[in-house]
N, C-alpha and C. Protein backbone atom coordinates (compact mmCIF):
# COMPACT_ATOMS: atom_id res chain seq x y z
N MET A 1 90.41 -208.10 342.07
CA MET A 1 91.19 -209.27 342.41
C MET A 1 92.15 -209.66 341.29
N ALA A 2 91.71 -209.51 340.05
CA ALA A 2 92.58 -209.90 338.94
C ALA A 2 93.86 -209.10 338.93
N SER A 3 93.77 -207.80 339.26
CA SER A 3 94.99 -207.00 339.23
C SER A 3 95.95 -207.42 340.35
N GLN A 4 95.43 -207.90 341.49
CA GLN A 4 96.30 -208.38 342.57
C GLN A 4 97.04 -209.65 342.13
N ILE A 5 96.35 -210.54 341.48
CA ILE A 5 96.99 -211.76 340.99
C ILE A 5 98.01 -211.41 339.91
N ALA A 6 97.67 -210.46 339.05
CA ALA A 6 98.63 -210.01 338.03
C ALA A 6 99.88 -209.45 338.69
N LYS A 7 99.71 -208.72 339.79
CA LYS A 7 100.87 -208.19 340.52
C LYS A 7 101.73 -209.32 341.08
N GLU A 8 101.10 -210.38 341.54
CA GLU A 8 101.85 -211.53 342.05
C GLU A 8 102.68 -212.17 340.93
N TRP A 9 102.08 -212.26 339.74
CA TRP A 9 102.84 -212.77 338.59
C TRP A 9 104.06 -211.89 338.35
N LEU A 10 103.86 -210.57 338.41
CA LEU A 10 104.97 -209.65 338.14
C LEU A 10 106.04 -209.71 339.22
N LYS A 11 105.66 -209.99 340.46
CA LYS A 11 106.66 -210.19 341.51
C LYS A 11 107.52 -211.41 341.18
N ALA A 12 106.89 -212.45 340.66
CA ALA A 12 107.63 -213.65 340.26
C ALA A 12 108.56 -213.34 339.10
N VAL A 13 108.12 -212.48 338.18
CA VAL A 13 108.97 -212.05 337.06
C VAL A 13 110.21 -211.36 337.60
N TYR A 14 110.01 -210.47 338.57
CA TYR A 14 111.13 -209.74 339.16
C TYR A 14 112.15 -210.70 339.76
N LEU A 15 111.69 -211.75 340.42
CA LEU A 15 112.62 -212.74 340.99
C LEU A 15 113.41 -213.44 339.89
N ASP A 16 112.74 -213.77 338.79
CA ASP A 16 113.45 -214.39 337.67
C ASP A 16 114.50 -213.44 337.10
N ILE A 17 114.17 -212.17 336.99
CA ILE A 17 115.13 -211.20 336.46
C ILE A 17 116.31 -211.05 337.41
N GLN A 18 116.05 -211.05 338.71
CA GLN A 18 117.15 -211.00 339.67
C GLN A 18 118.05 -212.23 339.52
N ALA A 19 117.45 -213.38 339.32
CA ALA A 19 118.24 -214.61 339.14
C ALA A 19 119.09 -214.51 337.88
N ILE A 20 118.52 -213.99 336.80
CA ILE A 20 119.27 -213.82 335.55
C ILE A 20 120.47 -212.92 335.78
N GLU A 21 120.24 -211.78 336.41
CA GLU A 21 121.33 -210.84 336.64
C GLU A 21 122.44 -211.47 337.47
N TYR A 22 122.07 -212.26 338.45
CA TYR A 22 123.05 -212.94 339.30
C TYR A 22 123.83 -213.99 338.51
N LEU A 23 123.14 -214.73 337.67
CA LEU A 23 123.75 -215.85 336.94
C LEU A 23 124.57 -215.42 335.73
N LEU A 24 124.29 -214.27 335.17
CA LEU A 24 124.95 -213.87 333.92
C LEU A 24 126.46 -213.73 334.02
N GLY A 25 126.97 -213.53 335.20
CA GLY A 25 128.41 -213.41 335.36
C GLY A 25 129.14 -214.73 335.26
N ASN A 26 128.42 -215.82 335.18
CA ASN A 26 129.02 -217.16 335.13
C ASN A 26 128.63 -217.86 333.83
N GLU A 27 129.55 -217.87 332.88
CA GLU A 27 129.27 -218.42 331.55
C GLU A 27 128.70 -219.84 331.62
N HIS A 28 129.21 -220.66 332.54
CA HIS A 28 128.73 -222.04 332.61
C HIS A 28 127.30 -222.15 333.13
N LEU A 29 126.75 -221.06 333.65
CA LEU A 29 125.36 -221.06 334.13
C LEU A 29 124.40 -220.41 333.13
N THR A 30 124.88 -220.13 331.93
CA THR A 30 124.05 -219.48 330.92
C THR A 30 122.76 -220.26 330.63
N PRO A 31 122.79 -221.60 330.54
CA PRO A 31 121.51 -222.31 330.30
C PRO A 31 120.49 -222.06 331.41
N ILE A 32 120.96 -221.93 332.64
CA ILE A 32 120.04 -221.68 333.75
C ILE A 32 119.51 -220.25 333.66
N ALA A 33 120.38 -219.30 333.32
CA ALA A 33 119.94 -217.91 333.13
C ALA A 33 118.91 -217.83 332.00
N SER A 34 119.16 -218.58 330.94
CA SER A 34 118.23 -218.58 329.81
C SER A 34 116.89 -219.19 330.19
N PHE A 35 116.91 -220.22 331.03
CA PHE A 35 115.66 -220.81 331.52
C PHE A 35 114.86 -219.76 332.30
N HIS A 36 115.55 -219.00 333.16
CA HIS A 36 114.86 -217.95 333.91
C HIS A 36 114.34 -216.86 332.98
N ALA A 37 115.04 -216.62 331.88
CA ALA A 37 114.55 -215.65 330.89
C ALA A 37 113.23 -216.14 330.30
N GLN A 38 113.17 -217.42 329.97
CA GLN A 38 111.93 -217.99 329.45
C GLN A 38 110.82 -217.85 330.49
N GLN A 39 111.16 -218.13 331.73
CA GLN A 39 110.16 -218.04 332.79
C GLN A 39 109.68 -216.61 332.99
N ALA A 40 110.60 -215.65 332.91
CA ALA A 40 110.22 -214.24 333.07
C ALA A 40 109.26 -213.80 331.97
N ILE A 41 109.54 -214.23 330.75
CA ILE A 41 108.65 -213.88 329.63
C ILE A 41 107.29 -214.55 329.82
N GLU A 42 107.31 -215.84 330.13
CA GLU A 42 106.06 -216.58 330.33
C GLU A 42 105.21 -215.93 331.42
N LYS A 43 105.83 -215.60 332.54
CA LYS A 43 105.09 -215.01 333.66
C LYS A 43 104.60 -213.61 333.33
N SER A 44 105.38 -212.86 332.55
CA SER A 44 104.94 -211.53 332.11
C SER A 44 103.68 -211.64 331.26
N PHE A 45 103.71 -212.59 330.33
CA PHE A 45 102.54 -212.81 329.48
C PHE A 45 101.34 -213.22 330.34
N LYS A 46 101.56 -214.11 331.30
CA LYS A 46 100.46 -214.57 332.14
C LYS A 46 99.93 -213.44 333.03
N ALA A 47 100.80 -212.53 333.44
CA ALA A 47 100.34 -211.37 334.21
C ALA A 47 99.38 -210.53 333.39
N LEU A 48 99.71 -210.31 332.13
CA LEU A 48 98.83 -209.52 331.26
C LEU A 48 97.53 -210.26 330.97
N ILE A 49 97.64 -211.56 330.76
CA ILE A 49 96.43 -212.37 330.53
C ILE A 49 95.52 -212.28 331.75
N GLU A 50 96.09 -212.40 332.93
CA GLU A 50 95.32 -212.29 334.17
C GLU A 50 94.71 -210.90 334.32
N TYR A 51 95.50 -209.89 334.03
CA TYR A 51 95.02 -208.51 334.15
C TYR A 51 93.81 -208.26 333.24
N LYS A 52 93.83 -208.91 332.08
CA LYS A 52 92.71 -208.79 331.14
C LYS A 52 91.53 -209.69 331.53
N ARG A 53 91.69 -210.37 332.65
CA ARG A 53 90.64 -211.26 333.19
C ARG A 53 90.32 -212.42 332.26
N GLN A 54 91.33 -212.91 331.61
CA GLN A 54 91.18 -214.11 330.78
C GLN A 54 91.67 -215.31 331.58
N ASN A 55 91.24 -216.48 331.20
CA ASN A 55 91.75 -217.69 331.83
C ASN A 55 93.19 -217.91 331.40
N ILE A 56 94.03 -218.19 332.37
CA ILE A 56 95.44 -218.45 332.08
C ILE A 56 95.59 -219.93 331.72
N PRO A 57 96.02 -220.21 330.51
CA PRO A 57 96.19 -221.61 330.13
C PRO A 57 97.39 -222.22 330.84
N LYS A 58 97.32 -223.49 331.09
CA LYS A 58 98.44 -224.19 331.72
C LYS A 58 99.40 -224.64 330.62
N LYS A 59 100.01 -223.63 329.99
CA LYS A 59 100.94 -223.87 328.89
C LYS A 59 102.21 -223.10 329.18
N HIS A 60 103.28 -223.56 328.57
CA HIS A 60 104.57 -222.88 328.72
C HIS A 60 105.06 -222.33 327.38
N ASN A 61 104.33 -222.63 326.33
CA ASN A 61 104.73 -222.18 325.00
C ASN A 61 104.50 -220.67 324.89
N LEU A 62 105.59 -219.93 324.70
CA LEU A 62 105.49 -218.47 324.66
C LEU A 62 104.61 -217.98 323.52
N PHE A 63 104.66 -218.64 322.38
CA PHE A 63 103.86 -218.20 321.24
C PHE A 63 102.38 -218.47 321.46
N ALA A 64 102.04 -219.56 322.14
CA ALA A 64 100.64 -219.83 322.47
C ALA A 64 100.11 -218.77 323.43
N LEU A 65 100.92 -218.40 324.40
CA LEU A 65 100.52 -217.36 325.35
C LEU A 65 100.45 -216.00 324.66
N TYR A 66 101.44 -215.73 323.84
CA TYR A 66 101.48 -214.44 323.13
C TYR A 66 100.25 -214.26 322.24
N SER A 67 99.75 -215.35 321.67
CA SER A 67 98.59 -215.24 320.79
C SER A 67 97.36 -214.68 321.52
N LEU A 68 97.35 -214.81 322.84
CA LEU A 68 96.23 -214.30 323.64
C LEU A 68 96.34 -212.80 323.93
N ILE A 69 97.53 -212.24 323.73
CA ILE A 69 97.74 -210.83 324.08
C ILE A 69 98.39 -210.03 322.95
N GLU A 70 98.49 -210.61 321.77
CA GLU A 70 99.21 -209.95 320.68
C GLU A 70 98.58 -208.63 320.25
N ASN A 71 97.33 -208.40 320.58
CA ASN A 71 96.71 -207.11 320.28
C ASN A 71 97.10 -206.04 321.30
N ASP A 72 97.70 -206.47 322.41
CA ASP A 72 98.07 -205.55 323.48
C ASP A 72 99.55 -205.20 323.49
N ILE A 73 100.39 -206.12 323.05
CA ILE A 73 101.83 -205.88 323.02
C ILE A 73 102.40 -206.42 321.71
N LYS A 74 103.53 -205.92 321.33
CA LYS A 74 104.20 -206.40 320.12
C LYS A 74 105.59 -206.90 320.49
N ILE A 75 105.95 -208.03 319.96
CA ILE A 75 107.28 -208.60 320.14
C ILE A 75 108.13 -208.18 318.95
N GLU A 76 109.23 -207.52 319.23
CA GLU A 76 110.08 -207.03 318.16
C GLU A 76 111.12 -208.04 317.70
N ASP A 77 111.48 -208.97 318.58
CA ASP A 77 112.53 -209.93 318.24
C ASP A 77 111.99 -211.35 318.39
N GLU A 78 111.19 -211.76 317.41
CA GLU A 78 110.58 -213.10 317.48
C GLU A 78 111.61 -214.21 317.36
N LYS A 79 112.71 -213.95 316.68
CA LYS A 79 113.75 -214.97 316.55
C LYS A 79 114.33 -215.33 317.92
N THR A 80 114.62 -214.31 318.73
CA THR A 80 115.14 -214.57 320.07
C THR A 80 114.06 -215.23 320.93
N MET A 81 112.81 -214.78 320.79
CA MET A 81 111.74 -215.40 321.57
C MET A 81 111.58 -216.86 321.18
N PHE A 82 111.73 -217.18 319.90
CA PHE A 82 111.66 -218.57 319.46
C PHE A 82 112.76 -219.39 320.14
N LYS A 83 113.96 -218.85 320.16
CA LYS A 83 115.09 -219.54 320.77
C LYS A 83 114.85 -219.74 322.27
N ILE A 84 114.39 -218.70 322.93
CA ILE A 84 114.10 -218.78 324.37
C ILE A 84 112.95 -219.75 324.63
N ASN A 85 111.96 -219.78 323.75
CA ASN A 85 110.83 -220.68 323.89
C ASN A 85 111.28 -222.14 323.92
N GLU A 86 112.31 -222.46 323.17
CA GLU A 86 112.83 -223.82 323.11
C GLU A 86 113.47 -224.26 324.42
N LEU A 87 113.74 -223.31 325.31
CA LEU A 87 114.51 -223.61 326.51
C LEU A 87 113.70 -224.20 327.65
N TYR A 88 112.41 -224.14 327.58
CA TYR A 88 111.62 -224.59 328.74
C TYR A 88 112.01 -226.00 329.16
N MET A 89 111.98 -226.94 328.25
CA MET A 89 112.37 -228.31 328.59
C MET A 89 113.86 -228.53 328.42
N ASP A 90 114.40 -227.95 327.37
CA ASP A 90 115.79 -228.22 327.02
C ASP A 90 116.77 -227.80 328.10
N ALA A 91 116.51 -226.71 328.79
CA ALA A 91 117.43 -226.24 329.81
C ALA A 91 117.24 -226.95 331.14
N ARG A 92 116.14 -227.64 331.30
CA ARG A 92 115.86 -228.30 332.58
C ARG A 92 116.46 -229.68 332.68
N TYR A 93 116.63 -230.34 331.57
CA TYR A 93 117.07 -231.72 331.61
C TYR A 93 118.36 -231.88 330.83
N PRO A 94 119.43 -232.31 331.49
CA PRO A 94 120.76 -232.35 330.85
C PRO A 94 120.80 -233.11 329.54
N GLY A 95 120.10 -234.21 329.42
CA GLY A 95 120.14 -234.99 328.19
C GLY A 95 119.61 -234.24 326.99
N ASP A 96 118.75 -233.25 327.23
CA ASP A 96 118.14 -232.52 326.13
C ASP A 96 118.96 -231.32 325.68
N LEU A 97 119.99 -230.94 326.43
CA LEU A 97 120.75 -229.75 326.05
C LEU A 97 121.30 -229.84 324.64
N GLY A 98 121.70 -231.02 324.23
CA GLY A 98 122.24 -231.18 322.89
C GLY A 98 121.19 -231.12 321.80
N LEU A 99 119.92 -231.12 322.18
CA LEU A 99 118.85 -231.11 321.19
C LEU A 99 118.42 -229.70 320.78
N LEU A 100 118.99 -228.68 321.42
CA LEU A 100 118.66 -227.32 321.03
C LEU A 100 119.07 -227.10 319.59
N PRO A 101 118.26 -226.40 318.80
CA PRO A 101 118.56 -226.23 317.38
C PRO A 101 119.92 -225.58 317.11
N ASP A 102 120.31 -224.64 317.94
CA ASP A 102 121.59 -223.96 317.74
C ASP A 102 122.57 -224.27 318.87
N GLY A 103 122.43 -225.39 319.52
CA GLY A 103 123.30 -225.71 320.64
C GLY A 103 122.86 -224.96 321.88
N LYS A 104 123.73 -224.98 322.90
CA LYS A 104 123.40 -224.28 324.14
C LYS A 104 123.28 -222.79 323.89
N PRO A 105 122.37 -222.13 324.63
CA PRO A 105 122.25 -220.68 324.47
C PRO A 105 123.51 -220.00 324.97
N SER A 106 123.84 -218.90 324.35
CA SER A 106 125.04 -218.17 324.74
C SER A 106 124.71 -217.15 325.81
N LEU A 107 125.75 -216.59 326.38
CA LEU A 107 125.59 -215.52 327.34
C LEU A 107 124.88 -214.34 326.70
N GLU A 108 125.20 -214.07 325.44
CA GLU A 108 124.56 -212.96 324.72
C GLU A 108 123.07 -213.22 324.51
N ASP A 109 122.68 -214.47 324.27
CA ASP A 109 121.25 -214.79 324.12
C ASP A 109 120.50 -214.45 325.41
N ALA A 110 121.06 -214.81 326.54
CA ALA A 110 120.40 -214.53 327.81
C ALA A 110 120.33 -213.03 328.06
N LYS A 111 121.42 -212.31 327.76
CA LYS A 111 121.44 -210.85 327.97
C LYS A 111 120.44 -210.15 327.06
N ARG A 112 120.28 -210.64 325.83
CA ARG A 112 119.38 -210.01 324.86
C ARG A 112 117.94 -210.01 325.38
N VAL A 113 117.57 -211.04 326.10
CA VAL A 113 116.20 -211.13 326.62
C VAL A 113 115.98 -210.10 327.71
N LEU A 114 117.01 -209.83 328.50
CA LEU A 114 116.89 -208.79 329.53
C LEU A 114 116.65 -207.47 328.86
C-alpha cells in the first residue's frame, strides 16, 4: 500500500512539473512557477518518505523533509533549494512577495529547479 500512495505523490509531482513547463514562458508568472517548483520538491520528498513507510509530517519546509531522507538522496544545490523553500508562503500571498530575501524569483530560478 505504501508504494501505491508514493505513486500518487509522484503523480502530483508530475502535475506540478507540467504546470511549471506551461508557466515558464510567461515571465510575469515566474512566482507561480516557482511555487509549483517548491510543491514538486516537497511532494517528491514526501513520496520517498511514504515509500520508506515513514510517517509524513504535515510540514512544508523542504529542509525538515529532507532531513528524513538525506541518507537516501543528496541535494547538490542547497542554495537554490533554500531559495525555493522560502517560496511556500511568499509566492502565495501578494503582500509577502517583497519579503523574499532576494526579491521575486527569476525565470532562471524556476528553470534551475526543473
